[in-house]
Protein backbone atom coordinates (compact mmCIF):
# COMPACT_ATOMS: atom_id res chain seq x y z
CA UNK A 1 -14.81 -4.53 -10.17
CA UNK A 2 -11.29 -4.76 -11.79
CA UNK A 3 -8.33 -4.57 -10.14
CA UNK A 4 -4.73 -3.68 -11.65
CA UNK A 5 -1.93 -5.89 -11.01
CA UNK A 6 -0.30 -2.85 -9.16
CA UNK A 7 -3.37 -2.99 -6.91
CA UNK A 8 -3.19 -6.66 -6.29
CA UNK A 9 0.27 -6.85 -5.38
CA UNK A 10 -0.17 -3.88 -3.05
CA UNK A 11 -3.30 -5.52 -0.91
CA UNK A 12 -1.55 -8.56 -0.88
CA UNK A 13 1.75 -6.87 0.93
CA UNK A 14 -0.48 -5.12 3.26
CA UNK A 15 -2.48 -7.97 4.49
CA UNK A 16 0.81 -9.92 4.83
CA UNK A 17 1.89 -7.64 6.73
CA UNK A 18 -0.93 -6.64 8.77
CA UNK A 19 0.03 -3.67 11.60
CA UNK A 20 2.69 -2.15 9.29
CA UNK A 21 2.13 1.05 7.35
CA UNK A 22 3.78 1.28 3.91
CA UNK A 23 4.48 4.39 1.96
CA UNK A 24 4.85 4.09 -1.81
CA UNK A 25 8.80 4.41 -1.67
CA UNK A 26 9.17 1.85 1.10
CA UNK A 27 6.38 -0.68 -0.65
CA UNK A 28 8.44 -0.53 -4.20
CA UNK A 29 11.71 -1.33 -2.38
CA UNK A 30 10.12 -4.11 -0.50
CA UNK A 31 8.62 -5.50 -4.04
CA UNK A 32 11.47 -4.12 -6.34
CA UNK A 33 8.79 -2.22 -8.22
CA UNK A 34 8.70 1.98 -9.19
CA UNK A 35 7.06 3.92 -6.65
CA UNK A 36 5.41 5.87 -9.14
CA UNK A 37 3.43 2.53 -10.47
CA UNK A 38 2.20 2.00 -6.96
CA UNK A 39 1.27 5.55 -5.48
CA UNK A 40 -2.37 5.47 -7.78
CA UNK A 41 -3.18 1.87 -6.49
CA UNK A 42 -2.34 3.09 -2.77
CA UNK A 43 -4.76 6.00 -3.49
CA UNK A 44 -7.18 3.73 -4.65
CA UNK A 45 -7.00 1.55 -1.42
CA UNK A 46 -7.49 4.01 1.00
CA UNK A 47 -10.86 4.41 0.16
CA UNK A 48 -11.81 1.18 0.73
CA UNK A 49 -13.08 -0.24 4.08
CA UNK A 50 -10.10 -2.26 5.48
CA UNK A 51 -7.55 0.18 4.28
CA UNK A 52 -6.57 3.34 5.99
CA UNK A 53 -4.04 6.44 6.03
CA UNK A 54 -1.10 5.84 8.36
CA UNK A 55 2.66 6.99 8.90
CA UNK A 56 5.03 4.70 7.51
CA UNK A 57 8.05 3.91 9.59
CA UNK A 58 10.30 5.84 7.24
CA UNK A 59 7.79 9.08 8.37
CA UNK A 60 6.26 9.54 5.06
CA UNK A 61 2.23 9.23 4.71
CA UNK A 62 1.71 5.43 3.77
CA UNK A 63 -1.39 3.02 4.09
CA UNK A 64 -2.09 -0.10 6.36
CA UNK A 65 -4.17 -2.84 6.45
CA UNK A 66 -6.59 -2.80 9.09
CA UNK A 67 -7.76 -6.31 10.16
């Protein structure tokens, strides 16, 4: 399966920060990217086994890496 660069960035950020949920806005701020670029990658990852939906610290819905 081919992964986009955005998806790789999101996966790595979530793995590096285990236990912390991110929404697209907060992750984009941390990575210096456009939230619209990261949102599709986050939506794809939520369907995978190790990533689950969770509330971000800002209160928006986000994604967390479950280890």
